[in-house]
């Protein structure tokens, strides 16, 4: 009887040790997953669609209060430039991992940016704003003083590839309301017939050719 009890006890002990080992392994796996998830929990700047929305009508704004929440900054800038035209984009760049603002905002003003540029040195509360053409600020670099993260290059390459496919390798420009308005304005000034129909037919022909291939 004693030996049988000892054997039963050993089996129970071994089973308990295996359960403890499995539990420790599971806990360790959960810790690793949580650390990995925490490390990845940030937004890469280039994952934001507005990061690619620059046009000839884009202006930059500096001098606003960067300590405000992002939503408040966007709302304040929209109210300040609302009389200048249709604001189709307000982008406030920030560092990927820290979320620290880069100190400026980019706004797309339609149909013209002249009224917005006239607000250079205007006051937003007690702060004097600097307003100018976005190209004069950015130049050859996408965003000044931007450090970025490990995902930046991969995200940009993926987007460039997708744009290459969408535009048939650059044969056509991506259709947009801004493109159509610019083409119509150019045609009107030159006294030409509207080319919107021609753009529509070009896209249709390319789509049909792709289907045939």
N, C-alpha and C. Protein backbone atom coordinates (compact mmCIF):
# COMPACT_ATOMS: atom_id res chain seq x y z
N UNK A 1 0.83 -1.21 0.00
CA UNK A 1 0.00 0.00 0.00
C UNK A 1 0.85 1.25 0.00
N UNK A 2 1.95 1.19 0.78
CA UNK A 2 2.84 2.34 0.85
C UNK A 2 3.47 2.65 -0.48
N UNK A 3 3.93 1.62 -1.20
CA UNK A 3 4.58 1.83 -2.49
C UNK A 3 3.59 2.39 -3.49
N UNK A 4 2.37 1.88 -3.48
CA UNK A 4 1.37 2.38 -4.43
C UNK A 4 1.09 3.85 -4.16
N UNK A 5 0.99 4.24 -2.92
CA UNK A 5 0.75 5.63 -2.56
C UNK A 5 1.89 6.51 -3.03
N UNK A 6 3.13 6.01 -2.85
CA UNK A 6 4.32 6.76 -3.27
C UNK A 6 4.32 6.95 -4.78
N UNK A 7 3.98 5.89 -5.50
CA UNK A 7 3.95 5.98 -6.96
C UNK A 7 2.90 6.97 -7.43
N UNK A 8 1.72 6.91 -6.81
CA UNK A 8 0.65 7.84 -7.16
C UNK A 8 1.05 9.28 -6.87
N UNK A 9 1.75 9.46 -5.75
CA UNK A 9 2.20 10.81 -5.37
C UNK A 9 3.22 11.33 -6.37
N UNK A 10 4.15 10.46 -6.82
CA UNK A 10 5.16 10.86 -7.80
C UNK A 10 4.52 11.28 -9.11
N UNK A 11 3.51 10.51 -9.52
CA UNK A 11 2.81 10.84 -10.78
C UNK A 11 2.13 12.20 -10.67
N UNK A 12 1.45 12.41 -9.54
CA UNK A 12 0.78 13.69 -9.32
C UNK A 12 1.78 14.84 -9.30
N UNK A 13 2.95 14.59 -8.69
CA UNK A 13 3.98 15.62 -8.61
C UNK A 13 4.52 15.95 -10.00
N UNK A 14 4.75 14.88 -10.80
CA UNK A 14 5.26 15.10 -12.17
C UNK A 14 4.25 15.87 -13.01
N UNK A 15 2.99 15.51 -12.88
CA UNK A 15 1.93 16.20 -13.63
C UNK A 15 1.85 17.67 -13.23
N UNK A 16 1.98 17.94 -11.93
CA UNK A 16 1.92 19.31 -11.45
C UNK A 16 3.10 20.13 -11.96
N UNK A 17 4.29 19.48 -11.99
CA UNK A 17 5.50 20.16 -12.50
C UNK A 17 5.34 20.52 -13.98
N UNK A 18 4.75 19.60 -14.74
CA UNK A 18 4.53 19.85 -16.16
C UNK A 18 3.56 21.02 -16.35
N UNK A 19 2.52 21.05 -15.51
CA UNK A 19 1.56 22.16 -15.61
C UNK A 19 2.21 23.48 -15.25
N UNK A 20 3.06 23.45 -14.20
CA UNK A 20 3.76 24.67 -13.80
C UNK A 20 4.70 25.15 -14.91
N UNK A 21 5.38 24.19 -15.54
CA UNK A 21 6.31 24.53 -16.62
C UNK A 21 5.56 25.13 -17.81
N UNK A 22 4.41 24.54 -18.15
CA UNK A 22 3.61 25.06 -19.25
C UNK A 22 3.09 26.47 -18.93
N UNK A 23 2.70 26.66 -17.67
CA UNK A 23 2.19 27.96 -17.24
C UNK A 23 3.27 29.03 -17.33
N UNK A 24 4.50 28.67 -16.88
CA UNK A 24 5.61 29.61 -16.95
C UNK A 24 5.96 29.95 -18.39
N UNK A 25 5.92 28.95 -19.25
CA UNK A 25 6.21 29.16 -20.67
C UNK A 25 5.17 30.08 -21.31
N UNK A 26 3.90 29.86 -20.93
CA UNK A 26 2.82 30.70 -21.47
C UNK A 26 2.97 32.13 -20.99
N UNK A 27 3.27 32.28 -19.68
CA UNK A 27 3.45 33.63 -19.13
C UNK A 27 4.60 34.36 -19.82
N UNK A 28 5.70 33.65 -20.07
CA UNK A 28 6.87 34.25 -20.73
C UNK A 28 6.52 34.69 -22.15
N UNK A 29 5.75 33.84 -22.83
CA UNK A 29 5.34 34.16 -24.20
C UNK A 29 4.45 35.40 -24.22
N UNK A 30 3.56 35.51 -23.23
CA UNK A 30 2.69 36.68 -23.16
C UNK A 30 3.47 37.95 -22.89
N UNK A 31 4.49 37.85 -22.04
CA UNK A 31 5.34 39.01 -21.73
C UNK A 31 6.07 39.48 -22.99
N UNK A 32 6.61 38.53 -23.76
CA UNK A 32 7.33 38.86 -24.98
C UNK A 32 6.39 39.51 -25.99
N UNK A 33 5.19 38.96 -26.11
CA UNK A 33 4.21 39.52 -27.04
C UNK A 33 3.81 40.93 -26.65
N UNK A 34 3.60 41.16 -25.36
CA UNK A 34 3.22 42.48 -24.89
C UNK A 34 4.33 43.50 -25.15
N UNK A 35 5.58 43.10 -24.93
CA UNK A 35 6.70 44.00 -25.18
C UNK A 35 6.80 44.33 -26.66
N UNK A 36 6.63 43.30 -27.50
CA UNK A 36 6.70 43.51 -28.95
C UNK A 36 5.56 44.41 -29.41
N UNK A 37 4.36 44.18 -28.88
CA UNK A 37 3.20 44.99 -29.25
C UNK A 37 3.39 46.43 -28.81
N UNK A 38 3.95 46.62 -27.61
CA UNK A 38 4.18 47.96 -27.10
C UNK A 38 5.20 48.70 -27.96
N UNK A 39 6.21 47.97 -28.43
CA UNK A 39 7.24 48.59 -29.26
C UNK A 39 6.67 49.02 -30.61
N UNK A 40 5.64 48.30 -31.09
CA UNK A 40 5.06 48.60 -32.41
C UNK A 40 3.89 49.57 -32.33
N UNK A 41 3.45 49.93 -31.12
CA UNK A 41 2.27 50.77 -30.96
C UNK A 41 2.62 52.24 -31.16
N UNK A 42 2.87 52.63 -32.39
CA UNK A 42 3.05 54.02 -32.76
C UNK A 42 2.69 54.16 -34.22
N UNK A 43 2.41 55.37 -34.64
CA UNK A 43 1.99 55.62 -36.01
C UNK A 43 3.15 56.23 -36.80
N UNK A 44 3.57 55.52 -37.83
CA UNK A 44 4.59 56.07 -38.73
C UNK A 44 3.97 57.26 -39.47
N UNK A 45 4.72 58.33 -39.59
CA UNK A 45 4.21 59.53 -40.25
C UNK A 45 3.72 59.23 -41.67
N UNK A 46 4.44 58.35 -42.37
CA UNK A 46 4.11 58.07 -43.77
C UNK A 46 2.96 57.08 -43.93
N UNK A 47 2.42 56.60 -42.81
CA UNK A 47 1.20 55.79 -42.87
C UNK A 47 -0.04 56.68 -42.90
N UNK A 48 0.18 57.98 -42.71
CA UNK A 48 -0.92 58.94 -42.76
C UNK A 48 -1.11 59.38 -44.21
N UNK A 49 -2.33 59.26 -44.72
CA UNK A 49 -2.62 59.62 -46.11
C UNK A 49 -2.29 61.06 -46.41
N UNK A 50 -2.47 61.96 -45.41
CA UNK A 50 -2.21 63.38 -45.62
C UNK A 50 -0.73 63.69 -45.83
N UNK A 51 0.14 62.75 -45.51
CA UNK A 51 1.57 62.97 -45.71
C UNK A 51 1.93 63.09 -47.19
N UNK A 52 1.04 62.60 -48.06
CA UNK A 52 1.32 62.60 -49.50
C UNK A 52 0.43 63.57 -50.26
N UNK A 53 -0.25 64.48 -49.58
CA UNK A 53 -1.24 65.32 -50.24
C UNK A 53 -0.74 66.65 -50.74
N UNK A 54 0.57 66.82 -50.87
CA UNK A 54 1.13 68.10 -51.31
C UNK A 54 0.78 68.42 -52.76
N UNK A 55 0.43 69.68 -53.03
CA UNK A 55 0.12 70.17 -54.37
C UNK A 55 0.74 71.55 -54.54
N UNK A 56 0.66 72.13 -55.74
CA UNK A 56 1.13 73.51 -55.91
C UNK A 56 0.39 74.52 -55.05
N UNK A 57 -0.78 74.13 -54.54
CA UNK A 57 -1.58 75.01 -53.70
C UNK A 57 -1.31 74.82 -52.21
N UNK A 58 -0.26 74.10 -51.86
CA UNK A 58 0.04 73.82 -50.45
C UNK A 58 0.86 74.94 -49.84
N UNK A 59 0.46 75.37 -48.65
CA UNK A 59 1.22 76.38 -47.90
C UNK A 59 1.69 75.76 -46.59
N UNK A 60 2.70 76.38 -45.98
CA UNK A 60 3.13 75.96 -44.65
C UNK A 60 2.80 77.07 -43.66
N UNK A 61 2.55 76.68 -42.43
CA UNK A 61 2.25 77.63 -41.36
C UNK A 61 3.10 77.27 -40.16
N UNK A 62 3.79 78.26 -39.62
CA UNK A 62 4.58 78.08 -38.40
C UNK A 62 4.24 79.17 -37.41
N UNK A 63 4.50 78.87 -36.13
CA UNK A 63 4.31 79.88 -35.09
C UNK A 63 3.13 79.64 -34.19
N UNK A 64 2.31 78.61 -34.49
CA UNK A 64 1.16 78.30 -33.64
C UNK A 64 1.61 77.56 -32.38
N UNK A 65 0.71 77.41 -31.45
CA UNK A 65 1.02 76.77 -30.16
C UNK A 65 1.08 75.25 -30.34
N UNK A 66 2.28 74.69 -30.29
CA UNK A 66 2.47 73.24 -30.49
C UNK A 66 2.13 72.41 -29.27
N UNK A 67 1.82 73.08 -28.16
CA UNK A 67 1.47 72.32 -26.95
C UNK A 67 0.00 71.91 -26.94
N UNK A 68 -0.78 72.44 -27.88
CA UNK A 68 -2.20 72.09 -27.95
C UNK A 68 -2.38 70.70 -28.54
N UNK A 69 -3.49 70.03 -28.26
CA UNK A 69 -3.78 68.75 -28.89
C UNK A 69 -3.89 68.92 -30.41
N UNK A 70 -3.61 67.85 -31.14
CA UNK A 70 -3.62 67.90 -32.60
C UNK A 70 -4.96 68.38 -33.15
N UNK A 71 -6.05 67.88 -32.59
CA UNK A 71 -7.38 68.26 -33.08
C UNK A 71 -7.63 69.75 -32.90
N UNK A 72 -7.16 70.32 -31.78
CA UNK A 72 -7.35 71.74 -31.52
C UNK A 72 -6.53 72.59 -32.49
N UNK A 73 -5.32 72.14 -32.81
CA UNK A 73 -4.47 72.87 -33.76
C UNK A 73 -5.13 72.90 -35.13
N UNK A 74 -5.62 71.76 -35.57
CA UNK A 74 -6.28 71.68 -36.87
C UNK A 74 -7.52 72.58 -36.92
N UNK A 75 -8.32 72.54 -35.87
CA UNK A 75 -9.53 73.34 -35.81
C UNK A 75 -9.21 74.84 -35.82
N UNK A 76 -8.20 75.22 -35.05
CA UNK A 76 -7.81 76.64 -34.97
C UNK A 76 -7.29 77.15 -36.30
N UNK A 77 -6.46 76.34 -36.97
CA UNK A 77 -5.92 76.75 -38.27
C UNK A 77 -7.02 76.83 -39.32
N UNK A 78 -7.97 75.90 -39.26
CA UNK A 78 -9.07 75.94 -40.23
C UNK A 78 -9.89 77.23 -40.07
N UNK A 79 -10.16 77.63 -38.84
CA UNK A 79 -10.91 78.86 -38.61
C UNK A 79 -10.13 80.08 -39.08
N UNK A 80 -8.81 80.07 -38.85
CA UNK A 80 -7.97 81.22 -39.19
C UNK A 80 -7.89 81.42 -40.71
N UNK A 81 -7.83 80.31 -41.47
CA UNK A 81 -7.67 80.41 -42.93
C UNK A 81 -8.96 80.12 -43.69
N UNK A 82 -10.07 80.05 -42.98
CA UNK A 82 -11.33 79.67 -43.60
C UNK A 82 -11.77 80.65 -44.69
N UNK A 83 -11.44 81.92 -44.54
CA UNK A 83 -11.86 82.94 -45.50
C UNK A 83 -11.00 82.95 -46.77
N UNK A 84 -9.94 82.13 -46.80
CA UNK A 84 -9.01 82.14 -47.93
C UNK A 84 -9.41 81.21 -49.06
N UNK A 85 -10.40 80.37 -48.85
CA UNK A 85 -10.83 79.42 -49.86
C UNK A 85 -11.22 78.09 -49.23
N UNK A 86 -11.31 77.07 -50.06
CA UNK A 86 -11.66 75.74 -49.58
C UNK A 86 -10.39 75.06 -49.07
N UNK A 87 -10.42 74.65 -47.81
CA UNK A 87 -9.28 73.97 -47.20
C UNK A 87 -9.49 72.46 -47.33
N UNK A 88 -8.76 71.84 -48.24
CA UNK A 88 -8.96 70.42 -48.51
C UNK A 88 -8.04 69.53 -47.68
N UNK A 89 -7.06 70.12 -47.02
CA UNK A 89 -6.11 69.31 -46.24
C UNK A 89 -5.42 70.17 -45.20
N UNK A 90 -5.37 69.64 -43.98
CA UNK A 90 -4.56 70.24 -42.91
C UNK A 90 -3.73 69.11 -42.31
N UNK A 91 -2.44 69.17 -42.51
CA UNK A 91 -1.55 68.12 -42.03
C UNK A 91 -0.54 68.71 -41.07
N UNK A 92 -0.51 68.16 -39.85
CA UNK A 92 0.44 68.62 -38.82
C UNK A 92 1.43 67.49 -38.58
N UNK A 93 2.61 67.50 -39.22
CA UNK A 93 3.57 66.40 -39.09
C UNK A 93 4.10 66.25 -37.68
N UNK A 94 4.31 64.99 -37.29
CA UNK A 94 4.85 64.69 -35.96
C UNK A 94 5.80 63.51 -36.07
N UNK A 95 6.71 63.41 -35.13
CA UNK A 95 7.63 62.28 -35.09
C UNK A 95 6.88 60.98 -34.88
N UNK A 96 7.36 59.92 -35.50
CA UNK A 96 6.65 58.64 -35.47
C UNK A 96 6.50 58.09 -34.05
N UNK A 97 7.59 57.92 -33.36
CA UNK A 97 7.57 57.22 -32.07
C UNK A 97 7.18 58.11 -30.90
N UNK A 98 7.60 59.38 -30.93
CA UNK A 98 7.35 60.26 -29.78
C UNK A 98 6.07 61.07 -29.94
N UNK A 99 5.64 61.30 -31.18
CA UNK A 99 4.47 62.13 -31.40
C UNK A 99 4.75 63.62 -31.28
N UNK A 100 6.03 63.99 -31.13
CA UNK A 100 6.39 65.40 -31.01
C UNK A 100 6.18 66.11 -32.34
N UNK A 101 5.52 67.25 -32.31
CA UNK A 101 5.24 68.00 -33.54
C UNK A 101 6.54 68.57 -34.12
N UNK A 102 6.58 68.66 -35.45
CA UNK A 102 7.76 69.20 -36.12
C UNK A 102 7.76 70.72 -36.16
N UNK A 103 6.67 71.33 -35.70
CA UNK A 103 6.64 72.79 -35.57
C UNK A 103 5.98 73.53 -36.71
N UNK A 104 5.37 72.82 -37.65
CA UNK A 104 4.69 73.49 -38.75
C UNK A 104 3.52 72.65 -39.21
N UNK A 105 2.63 73.26 -39.98
CA UNK A 105 1.48 72.58 -40.56
C UNK A 105 1.44 72.85 -42.06
N UNK A 106 0.84 71.93 -42.79
CA UNK A 106 0.69 72.06 -44.24
C UNK A 106 -0.78 72.11 -44.59
N UNK A 107 -1.17 73.13 -45.35
CA UNK A 107 -2.57 73.32 -45.73
C UNK A 107 -2.69 73.41 -47.24
N UNK A 108 -3.69 72.74 -47.79
CA UNK A 108 -4.03 72.86 -49.21
C UNK A 108 -5.20 73.82 -49.33
N UNK A 109 -5.01 74.92 -50.06
CA UNK A 109 -6.04 75.94 -50.22
C UNK A 109 -6.49 75.97 -51.68
N UNK A 110 -7.79 75.82 -51.90
CA UNK A 110 -8.36 75.87 -53.25
C UNK A 110 -9.33 77.05 -53.35
N UNK A 111 -9.43 77.72 -54.51
CA UNK A 111 -8.70 77.40 -55.75
C UNK A 111 -7.34 78.08 -55.86
N UNK A 112 -7.03 78.99 -54.91
CA UNK A 112 -5.77 79.73 -54.99
C UNK A 112 -5.24 79.98 -53.59
N UNK A 113 -3.91 80.07 -53.48
CA UNK A 113 -3.29 80.24 -52.16
C UNK A 113 -2.89 81.68 -51.86
N UNK A 114 -3.18 82.61 -52.78
CA UNK A 114 -2.73 83.99 -52.61
C UNK A 114 -3.29 84.63 -51.35
N UNK A 115 -4.59 84.43 -51.09
CA UNK A 115 -5.20 85.01 -49.89
C UNK A 115 -4.57 84.45 -48.62
N UNK A 116 -4.24 83.17 -48.65
CA UNK A 116 -3.62 82.55 -47.48
C UNK A 116 -2.22 83.10 -47.25
N UNK A 117 -1.47 83.29 -48.33
CA UNK A 117 -0.11 83.83 -48.22
C UNK A 117 -0.13 85.26 -47.68
N UNK A 118 -1.24 85.98 -47.93
CA UNK A 118 -1.36 87.35 -47.43
C UNK A 118 -1.49 87.40 -45.91
N UNK A 119 -1.76 86.25 -45.29
CA UNK A 119 -1.88 86.20 -43.83
C UNK A 119 -0.53 85.96 -43.14
N UNK A 120 0.55 86.05 -43.90
CA UNK A 120 1.88 85.96 -43.30
C UNK A 120 2.06 87.10 -42.29
N UNK A 121 2.59 86.77 -41.12
CA UNK A 121 2.79 87.70 -40.01
C UNK A 121 1.47 88.13 -39.36
N UNK A 122 0.39 87.42 -39.67
CA UNK A 122 -0.86 87.68 -38.95
C UNK A 122 -0.78 87.01 -37.57
N UNK A 123 -1.70 87.37 -36.69
CA UNK A 123 -1.66 86.85 -35.32
C UNK A 123 -2.76 85.83 -35.10
N UNK A 124 -2.36 84.72 -34.47
CA UNK A 124 -3.30 83.70 -34.02
C UNK A 124 -3.27 83.75 -32.50
N UNK A 125 -4.22 84.51 -31.92
CA UNK A 125 -4.12 84.81 -30.50
C UNK A 125 -2.99 85.80 -30.30
N UNK A 126 -2.04 85.45 -29.44
CA UNK A 126 -0.88 86.30 -29.19
C UNK A 126 0.35 85.87 -29.99
N UNK A 127 0.20 84.89 -30.86
CA UNK A 127 1.33 84.34 -31.59
C UNK A 127 1.32 84.80 -33.05
N UNK A 128 2.49 85.27 -33.52
CA UNK A 128 2.61 85.70 -34.91
C UNK A 128 2.92 84.49 -35.78
N UNK A 129 2.17 84.34 -36.86
CA UNK A 129 2.32 83.20 -37.76
C UNK A 129 3.27 83.53 -38.91
N UNK A 130 3.97 82.52 -39.34
CA UNK A 130 4.77 82.60 -40.58
C UNK A 130 4.08 81.72 -41.61
N UNK A 131 3.73 82.30 -42.74
CA UNK A 131 3.02 81.60 -43.80
C UNK A 131 3.80 81.72 -45.10
N UNK A 132 3.95 80.62 -45.81
CA UNK A 132 4.68 80.65 -47.07
C UNK A 132 4.37 79.44 -47.92
N UNK A 133 4.95 79.38 -49.12
CA UNK A 133 4.79 78.24 -50.01
C UNK A 133 5.49 77.03 -49.41
N UNK A 134 4.84 75.89 -49.45
CA UNK A 134 5.39 74.68 -48.82
C UNK A 134 6.72 74.29 -49.45
N UNK A 135 6.87 74.50 -50.74
CA UNK A 135 8.11 74.09 -51.42
C UNK A 135 9.32 74.86 -50.91
N UNK A 136 9.11 76.11 -50.49
CA UNK A 136 10.23 76.90 -49.96
C UNK A 136 10.69 76.38 -48.61
N UNK A 137 9.80 75.71 -47.88
CA UNK A 137 10.15 75.15 -46.58
C UNK A 137 10.76 73.76 -46.71
N UNK A 138 10.11 72.93 -47.52
CA UNK A 138 10.52 71.53 -47.62
C UNK A 138 11.75 71.37 -48.50
N UNK A 139 11.75 72.02 -49.67
CA UNK A 139 12.89 71.91 -50.58
C UNK A 139 13.09 70.49 -51.05
N UNK A 140 14.33 70.03 -51.02
CA UNK A 140 14.64 68.67 -51.48
C UNK A 140 14.35 67.63 -50.40
N UNK A 141 14.18 68.07 -49.16
CA UNK A 141 13.88 67.14 -48.07
C UNK A 141 12.39 67.11 -47.83
N UNK A 142 11.88 65.95 -47.53
CA UNK A 142 10.43 65.83 -47.35
C UNK A 142 9.95 66.65 -46.17
N UNK A 143 10.54 66.42 -45.00
CA UNK A 143 10.13 67.17 -43.83
C UNK A 143 11.37 67.57 -43.03
N UNK A 144 11.59 68.87 -42.80
CA UNK A 144 12.77 69.32 -42.05
C UNK A 144 12.77 68.81 -40.61
N UNK A 145 13.96 68.50 -40.10
CA UNK A 145 14.13 68.09 -38.70
C UNK A 145 13.37 66.81 -38.35
N UNK A 146 13.10 66.00 -39.36
CA UNK A 146 12.35 64.77 -39.12
C UNK A 146 13.30 63.59 -38.99
N UNK A 147 13.18 62.83 -37.89
CA UNK A 147 14.06 61.69 -37.64
C UNK A 147 13.47 60.42 -38.26
N UNK A 148 12.19 60.16 -37.99
CA UNK A 148 11.53 59.00 -38.58
C UNK A 148 11.71 57.73 -37.77
N UNK A 149 11.29 56.61 -38.37
CA UNK A 149 11.36 55.31 -37.68
C UNK A 149 11.76 54.23 -38.67
N UNK A 150 11.80 52.98 -38.17
CA UNK A 150 12.24 51.86 -38.99
C UNK A 150 11.26 51.56 -40.13
N UNK A 151 10.00 51.97 -39.98
CA UNK A 151 8.99 51.64 -40.99
C UNK A 151 8.92 52.67 -42.12
N UNK A 152 9.54 53.82 -41.94
CA UNK A 152 9.39 54.91 -42.91
C UNK A 152 9.76 54.49 -44.33
N UNK A 153 10.94 53.91 -44.50
CA UNK A 153 11.41 53.56 -45.84
C UNK A 153 10.50 52.51 -46.47
N UNK A 154 10.14 51.49 -45.69
CA UNK A 154 9.29 50.42 -46.23
C UNK A 154 7.92 50.95 -46.64
N UNK A 155 7.33 51.82 -45.81
CA UNK A 155 6.01 52.37 -46.12
C UNK A 155 6.06 53.22 -47.38
N UNK A 156 7.11 54.03 -47.52
CA UNK A 156 7.23 54.89 -48.70
C UNK A 156 7.44 54.07 -49.97
N UNK A 157 8.26 53.04 -49.88
CA UNK A 157 8.50 52.20 -51.06
C UNK A 157 7.22 51.50 -51.49
N UNK A 158 6.45 51.02 -50.52
CA UNK A 158 5.18 50.35 -50.84
C UNK A 158 4.24 51.32 -51.53
N UNK A 159 4.16 52.54 -51.03
CA UNK A 159 3.26 53.53 -51.63
C UNK A 159 3.72 53.92 -53.03
N UNK A 160 5.02 54.08 -53.23
CA UNK A 160 5.54 54.41 -54.56
C UNK A 160 5.20 53.31 -55.56
N UNK A 161 5.31 52.06 -55.13
CA UNK A 161 4.98 50.94 -56.01
C UNK A 161 3.50 50.97 -56.36
N UNK A 162 2.65 51.22 -55.35
CA UNK A 162 1.20 51.27 -55.59
C UNK A 162 0.86 52.41 -56.55
N UNK A 163 1.52 53.56 -56.38
CA UNK A 163 1.26 54.69 -57.28
C UNK A 163 1.73 54.38 -58.70
N UNK A 164 2.84 53.67 -58.82
CA UNK A 164 3.35 53.27 -60.14
C UNK A 164 2.32 52.41 -60.86
N UNK A 165 1.70 51.49 -60.11
CA UNK A 165 0.68 50.62 -60.70
C UNK A 165 -0.56 51.43 -61.08
N UNK A 166 -1.00 52.32 -60.18
CA UNK A 166 -2.21 53.10 -60.42
C UNK A 166 -2.08 54.01 -61.64
N UNK A 167 -0.88 54.55 -61.87
CA UNK A 167 -0.69 55.50 -62.97
C UNK A 167 -0.11 54.84 -64.22
N UNK A 168 -0.13 53.50 -64.25
CA UNK A 168 0.42 52.76 -65.40
C UNK A 168 1.86 53.18 -65.68
N UNK A 169 2.65 53.22 -64.63
CA UNK A 169 4.06 53.57 -64.78
C UNK A 169 4.29 55.02 -65.13
N UNK A 170 3.35 55.89 -64.73
CA UNK A 170 3.50 57.32 -65.00
C UNK A 170 2.88 57.76 -66.31
N UNK A 171 2.21 56.86 -67.03
CA UNK A 171 1.59 57.22 -68.30
C UNK A 171 0.41 58.17 -68.10
N UNK A 172 -0.29 58.01 -66.98
CA UNK A 172 -1.41 58.92 -66.69
C UNK A 172 -1.25 59.42 -65.27
N UNK A 173 -1.83 60.57 -65.01
CA UNK A 173 -1.81 61.14 -63.68
C UNK A 173 -3.07 60.74 -62.94
N UNK A 174 -2.93 60.49 -61.66
CA UNK A 174 -4.08 60.10 -60.87
C UNK A 174 -5.16 61.17 -60.94
N UNK A 175 -6.38 60.76 -61.25
CA UNK A 175 -7.48 61.70 -61.37
C UNK A 175 -7.85 62.25 -60.00
N UNK A 176 -8.15 63.53 -59.98
CA UNK A 176 -8.60 64.18 -58.76
C UNK A 176 -9.37 65.43 -59.14
N UNK A 177 -10.12 65.97 -58.19
CA UNK A 177 -10.87 67.20 -58.45
C UNK A 177 -9.92 68.35 -58.76
N UNK A 178 -8.77 68.36 -58.05
CA UNK A 178 -7.79 69.41 -58.29
C UNK A 178 -7.23 69.33 -59.70
N UNK A 179 -6.90 68.11 -60.15
CA UNK A 179 -6.37 67.94 -61.51
C UNK A 179 -7.38 68.41 -62.55
N UNK A 180 -8.63 68.01 -62.39
CA UNK A 180 -9.66 68.41 -63.35
C UNK A 180 -9.83 69.92 -63.39
N UNK A 181 -9.81 70.57 -62.21
CA UNK A 181 -9.98 72.02 -62.17
C UNK A 181 -8.80 72.73 -62.81
N UNK A 182 -7.57 72.20 -62.59
CA UNK A 182 -6.38 72.82 -63.18
C UNK A 182 -6.39 72.67 -64.69
N UNK A 183 -6.80 71.50 -65.18
CA UNK A 183 -6.88 71.27 -66.63
C UNK A 183 -7.93 72.18 -67.25
N UNK A 184 -9.10 72.30 -66.61
CA UNK A 184 -10.17 73.15 -67.14
C UNK A 184 -9.76 74.60 -67.17
N UNK A 185 -9.05 75.06 -66.13
CA UNK A 185 -8.59 76.44 -66.08
C UNK A 185 -7.57 76.71 -67.18
N UNK A 186 -6.66 75.75 -67.38
CA UNK A 186 -5.65 75.90 -68.43
C UNK A 186 -6.29 75.96 -69.81
N UNK A 187 -7.27 75.11 -70.05
CA UNK A 187 -7.97 75.10 -71.34
C UNK A 187 -8.73 76.40 -71.58
N UNK A 188 -9.34 76.91 -70.52
CA UNK A 188 -10.11 78.14 -70.65
C UNK A 188 -9.20 79.32 -71.00
N UNK A 189 -8.04 79.41 -70.34
CA UNK A 189 -7.11 80.50 -70.61
C UNK A 189 -6.55 80.41 -72.03
N UNK A 190 -6.30 79.18 -72.48
CA UNK A 190 -5.72 78.99 -73.81
C UNK A 190 -6.76 78.97 -74.92
N UNK A 191 -8.05 79.02 -74.55
CA UNK A 191 -9.11 78.99 -75.54
C UNK A 191 -9.28 77.63 -76.21
N UNK A 192 -8.87 76.56 -75.52
CA UNK A 192 -8.99 75.22 -76.07
C UNK A 192 -10.30 74.58 -75.63
N UNK A 193 -10.68 73.52 -76.32
CA UNK A 193 -11.84 72.74 -75.91
C UNK A 193 -11.50 71.98 -74.62
N UNK A 194 -12.46 71.78 -73.75
CA UNK A 194 -12.20 71.07 -72.49
C UNK A 194 -11.60 69.69 -72.72
N UNK A 195 -10.57 69.36 -71.92
CA UNK A 195 -9.90 68.07 -72.08
C UNK A 195 -10.38 67.02 -71.09
N UNK A 196 -11.38 67.35 -70.27
CA UNK A 196 -11.87 66.39 -69.29
C UNK A 196 -12.37 65.13 -69.97
N UNK A 197 -13.09 65.32 -71.09
CA UNK A 197 -13.61 64.16 -71.82
C UNK A 197 -12.46 63.32 -72.37
N UNK A 198 -11.39 64.00 -72.79
CA UNK A 198 -10.23 63.28 -73.31
C UNK A 198 -9.56 62.45 -72.21
N UNK A 199 -9.48 63.00 -71.00
CA UNK A 199 -8.91 62.26 -69.88
C UNK A 199 -9.76 61.04 -69.56
N UNK A 200 -11.07 61.21 -69.59
CA UNK A 200 -11.97 60.10 -69.32
C UNK A 200 -11.78 58.97 -70.33
N UNK A 201 -11.69 59.35 -71.62
CA UNK A 201 -11.54 58.34 -72.67
C UNK A 201 -10.19 57.65 -72.58
N UNK A 202 -9.14 58.40 -72.19
CA UNK A 202 -7.81 57.80 -72.06
C UNK A 202 -7.79 56.74 -70.98
N UNK A 203 -8.38 57.05 -69.84
CA UNK A 203 -8.44 56.08 -68.74
C UNK A 203 -9.26 54.87 -69.16
N UNK A 204 -10.39 55.10 -69.84
CA UNK A 204 -11.24 54.00 -70.28
C UNK A 204 -10.51 53.09 -71.26
N UNK A 205 -9.75 53.69 -72.20
CA UNK A 205 -9.00 52.90 -73.18
C UNK A 205 -7.93 52.05 -72.50
N UNK A 206 -7.24 52.61 -71.53
CA UNK A 206 -6.20 51.87 -70.83
C UNK A 206 -6.80 50.72 -70.01
N UNK A 207 -7.94 50.99 -69.38
CA UNK A 207 -8.62 49.93 -68.62
C UNK A 207 -9.05 48.80 -69.55
N UNK A 208 -9.58 49.16 -70.71
CA UNK A 208 -10.01 48.14 -71.67
C UNK A 208 -8.82 47.33 -72.18
N UNK A 209 -7.69 48.00 -72.42
CA UNK A 209 -6.50 47.31 -72.88
C UNK A 209 -5.99 46.33 -71.84
N UNK A 210 -6.05 46.73 -70.56
CA UNK A 210 -5.63 45.83 -69.49
C UNK A 210 -6.49 44.59 -69.43
N UNK A 211 -7.81 44.77 -69.65
CA UNK A 211 -8.72 43.64 -69.61
C UNK A 211 -8.46 42.68 -70.77
N UNK A 212 -8.13 43.24 -71.93
CA UNK A 212 -7.85 42.40 -73.10
C UNK A 212 -6.55 41.62 -72.93
N UNK A 213 -5.57 42.28 -72.30
CA UNK A 213 -4.29 41.61 -72.07
C UNK A 213 -4.43 40.49 -71.03
